[in-house]
């Protein structure tokens, strides 16, 4: 089973190294953090060796900051671009999301 995992990792790394360098960390993020985290976060920009990732709230931001060293090491192994830092920012909610949450709260009662 380890051979299969190593083979998949080689394919993934090879694929990420074929995309434009500025896109590689963005595309690698869901692979690095896993599907559960990727569903709640989004890598939005990579510039000046910093990957900016949006998170839903302050609790997520704290947790992601604790995991950042592990994510950073894996990003640098996969992406082929030097990522010096991951910056976690709280996602700004749109007016539509506030309205949607309000409707759900009001109509659930």
C-alpha atoms as a PDB file:
ATOM      1  CA  UNK A   1       0.000   0.000   0.000  1.00  0.00           C
ATOM      2  CA  UNK A   2       2.890   2.382   0.712  1.00  0.00           C
ATOM      3  CA  UNK A   3       4.101   1.962  -2.875  1.00  0.00           C
ATOM      4  CA  UNK A   4       0.714   3.072  -4.183  1.00  0.00           C
ATOM      5  CA  UNK A   5       0.792   6.149  -1.931  1.00  0.00           C
ATOM      6  CA  UNK A   6       4.304   7.030  -3.058  1.00  0.00           C
ATOM      7  CA  UNK A   7       3.290   6.600  -6.693  1.00  0.00           C
ATOM      8  CA  UNK A   8       0.263   8.868  -6.276  1.00  0.00           C
ATOM      9  CA  UNK A   9       2.391  11.469  -4.548  1.00  0.00           C
ATOM     10  CA  UNK A  10       4.861  11.460  -7.464  1.00  0.00           C
ATOM     11  CA  UNK A  11       2.019  11.943  -9.952  1.00  0.00           C
ATOM     12  CA  UNK A  12       0.566  14.768  -7.876  1.00  0.00           C
ATOM     13  CA  UNK A  13       3.916  16.538  -7.513  1.00  0.00           C
ATOM     14  CA  UNK A  14       4.626  16.138 -11.222  1.00  0.00           C
ATOM     15  CA  UNK A  15       1.231  17.612 -12.113  1.00  0.00           C
ATOM     16  CA  UNK A  16       1.601  20.569  -9.757  1.00  0.00           C
ATOM     17  CA  UNK A  17       5.001  21.412 -11.198  1.00  0.00           C
ATOM     18  CA  UNK A  18       3.475  21.754 -14.676  1.00  0.00           C
ATOM     19  CA  UNK A  19       1.057  24.534 -13.750  1.00  0.00           C
ATOM     20  CA  UNK A  20       2.074  28.198 -13.602  1.00  0.00           C
ATOM     21  CA  UNK A  21       4.243  28.673 -10.475  1.00  0.00           C
ATOM     22  CA  UNK A  22       1.862  31.146  -8.835  1.00  0.00           C
ATOM     23  CA  UNK A  23      -1.012  28.655  -9.147  1.00  0.00           C
ATOM     24  CA  UNK A  24       0.729  25.605  -7.685  1.00  0.00           C
ATOM     25  CA  UNK A  25       0.271  26.469  -3.968  1.00  0.00           C
ATOM     26  CA  UNK A  26      -3.378  27.378  -4.589  1.00  0.00           C
ATOM     27  CA  UNK A  27      -4.034  24.059  -6.312  1.00  0.00           C
ATOM     28  CA  UNK A  28      -2.025  22.124  -3.732  1.00  0.00           C
ATOM     29  CA  UNK A  29      -3.941  23.503  -0.735  1.00  0.00           C
ATOM     30  CA  UNK A  30      -6.881  21.028  -0.825  1.00  0.00           C
ATOM     31  CA  UNK A  31      -4.455  18.130  -1.227  1.00  0.00           C
ATOM     32  CA  UNK A  32      -2.296  19.338   1.651  1.00  0.00           C
ATOM     33  CA  UNK A  33      -5.065  20.055   4.153  1.00  0.00           C
ATOM     34  CA  UNK A  34      -7.449  17.237   3.250  1.00  0.00           C
ATOM     35  CA  UNK A  35     -11.062  17.244   2.150  1.00  0.00           C
ATOM     36  CA  UNK A  36     -12.667  18.081   5.519  1.00  0.00           C
ATOM     37  CA  UNK A  37     -10.574  21.245   5.943  1.00  0.00           C
ATOM     38  CA  UNK A  38     -10.767  22.104   2.220  1.00  0.00           C
ATOM     39  CA  UNK A  39     -14.570  22.192   2.446  1.00  0.00           C
ATOM     40  CA  UNK A  40     -14.381  25.009   5.020  1.00  0.00           C
ATOM     41  CA  UNK A  41     -11.333  26.943   3.777  1.00  0.00           C
ATOM     42  CA  UNK A  42     -10.135  28.398   0.497  1.00  0.00           C
ATOM     43  CA  UNK A  43      -6.685  29.373  -0.717  1.00  0.00           C
ATOM     44  CA  UNK A  44      -7.281  32.704  -2.431  1.00  0.00           C
ATOM     45  CA  UNK A  45      -3.926  34.180  -3.408  1.00  0.00           C
ATOM     46  CA  UNK A  46      -0.241  33.344  -3.487  1.00  0.00           C
ATOM     47  CA  UNK A  47       2.112  36.320  -3.672  1.00  0.00           C
ATOM     48  CA  UNK A  48       5.526  37.188  -2.272  1.00  0.00           C
ATOM     49  CA  UNK A  49       5.915  33.608  -0.974  1.00  0.00           C
ATOM     50  CA  UNK A  50       2.786  33.950   1.206  1.00  0.00           C
ATOM     51  CA  UNK A  51      -0.297  31.792   0.688  1.00  0.00           C
ATOM     52  CA  UNK A  52      -3.461  33.507   1.892  1.00  0.00           C
ATOM     53  CA  UNK A  53      -6.211  31.125   3.017  1.00  0.00           C
ATOM     54  CA  UNK A  54      -9.720  32.178   3.988  1.00  0.00           C
ATOM     55  CA  UNK A  55     -11.248  30.484   7.026  1.00  0.00           C
ATOM     56  CA  UNK A  56     -14.821  30.723   8.344  1.00  0.00           C
ATOM     57  CA  UNK A  57     -14.168  32.182  11.806  1.00  0.00           C
ATOM     58  CA  UNK A  58     -11.691  32.954  14.583  1.00  0.00           C
ATOM     59  CA  UNK A  59     -11.789  29.404  15.959  1.00  0.00           C
ATOM     60  CA  UNK A  60     -10.795  28.007  12.588  1.00  0.00           C
ATOM     61  CA  UNK A  61      -8.088  30.625  12.274  1.00  0.00           C
ATOM     62  CA  UNK A  62      -6.528  29.582  15.604  1.00  0.00           C
ATOM     63  CA  UNK A  63      -6.663  25.903  14.708  1.00  0.00           C
ATOM     64  CA  UNK A  64      -5.170  26.481  11.260  1.00  0.00           C
ATOM     65  CA  UNK A  65      -2.357  28.578  12.759  1.00  0.00           C
ATOM     66  CA  UNK A  66      -1.514  25.634  15.012  1.00  0.00           C
ATOM     67  CA  UNK A  67      -1.382  23.312  12.001  1.00  0.00           C
ATOM     68  CA  UNK A  68       0.464  25.785   9.753  1.00  0.00           C
ATOM     69  CA  UNK A  69       3.970  24.306  10.209  1.00  0.00           C
ATOM     70  CA  UNK A  70       2.756  20.896   9.029  1.00  0.00           C
ATOM     71  CA  UNK A  71       0.836  22.393   6.102  1.00  0.00           C
ATOM     72  CA  UNK A  72       3.792  24.589   5.155  1.00  0.00           C
ATOM     73  CA  UNK A  73       6.195  21.646   5.022  1.00  0.00           C
ATOM     74  CA  UNK A  74       3.823  19.647   2.840  1.00  0.00           C
ATOM     75  CA  UNK A  75       3.094  22.602   0.549  1.00  0.00           C
ATOM     76  CA  UNK A  76       6.795  23.102  -0.036  1.00  0.00           C
ATOM     77  CA  UNK A  77       7.216  19.425  -0.800  1.00  0.00           C
ATOM     78  CA  UNK A  78       4.353  19.382  -3.328  1.00  0.00           C
ATOM     79  CA  UNK A  79       4.124  22.809  -4.938  1.00  0.00           C
ATOM     80  CA  UNK A  80       7.615  23.397  -6.288  1.00  0.00           C
ATOM     81  CA  UNK A  81       7.301  27.010  -5.152  1.00  0.00           C
ATOM     82  CA  UNK A  82       8.810  28.258  -1.917  1.00  0.00           C
ATOM     83  CA  UNK A  83       5.940  29.076   0.430  1.00  0.00           C
ATOM     84  CA  UNK A  84       7.406  30.956   3.383  1.00  0.00           C
ATOM     85  CA  UNK A  85       4.197  31.580   5.276  1.00  0.00           C
ATOM     86  CA  UNK A  86       0.497  30.798   5.302  1.00  0.00           C
ATOM     87  CA  UNK A  87      -1.706  33.724   6.281  1.00  0.00           C
ATOM     88  CA  UNK A  88      -5.140  32.732   7.554  1.00  0.00           C
ATOM     89  CA  UNK A  89      -7.825  35.386   7.201  1.00  0.00           C
ATOM     90  CA  UNK A  90     -11.430  35.260   8.312  1.00  0.00           C
ATOM     91  CA  UNK A  91     -13.762  35.147   5.336  1.00  0.00           C
ATOM     92  CA  UNK A  92     -15.967  38.181   5.025  1.00  0.00           C
ATOM     93  CA  UNK A  93     -19.545  37.099   4.761  1.00  0.00           C
ATOM     94  CA  UNK A  94     -21.670  38.555   2.019  1.00  0.00           C
ATOM     95  CA  UNK A  95     -25.025  40.183   2.615  1.00  0.00           C
ATOM     96  CA  UNK A  96     -26.652  37.189   0.952  1.00  0.00           C
ATOM     97  CA  UNK A  97     -25.211  34.796   3.535  1.00  0.00           C
ATOM     98  CA  UNK A  98     -26.522  36.982   6.383  1.00  0.00           C
ATOM     99  CA  UNK A  99     -29.980  37.070   4.789  1.00  0.00           C
ATOM    100  CA  UNK A 100     -29.929  33.305   4.246  1.00  0.00           C
ATOM    101  CA  UNK A 101     -28.941  32.607   7.868  1.00  0.00           C
ATOM    102  CA  UNK A 102     -31.621  35.003   9.117  1.00  0.00           C
ATOM    103  CA  UNK A 103     -34.329  33.253   7.058  1.00  0.00           C
ATOM    104  CA  UNK A 104     -33.244  29.864   8.363  1.00  0.00           C
ATOM    105  CA  UNK A 105     -33.319  31.034  11.989  1.00  0.00           C
ATOM    106  CA  UNK A 106     -36.686  32.761  11.634  1.00  0.00           C
ATOM    107  CA  UNK A 107     -38.447  29.934   9.787  1.00  0.00           C
ATOM    108  CA  UNK A 108     -37.050  27.138  11.974  1.00  0.00           C
ATOM    109  CA  UNK A 109     -38.946  28.491  14.996  1.00  0.00           C
END
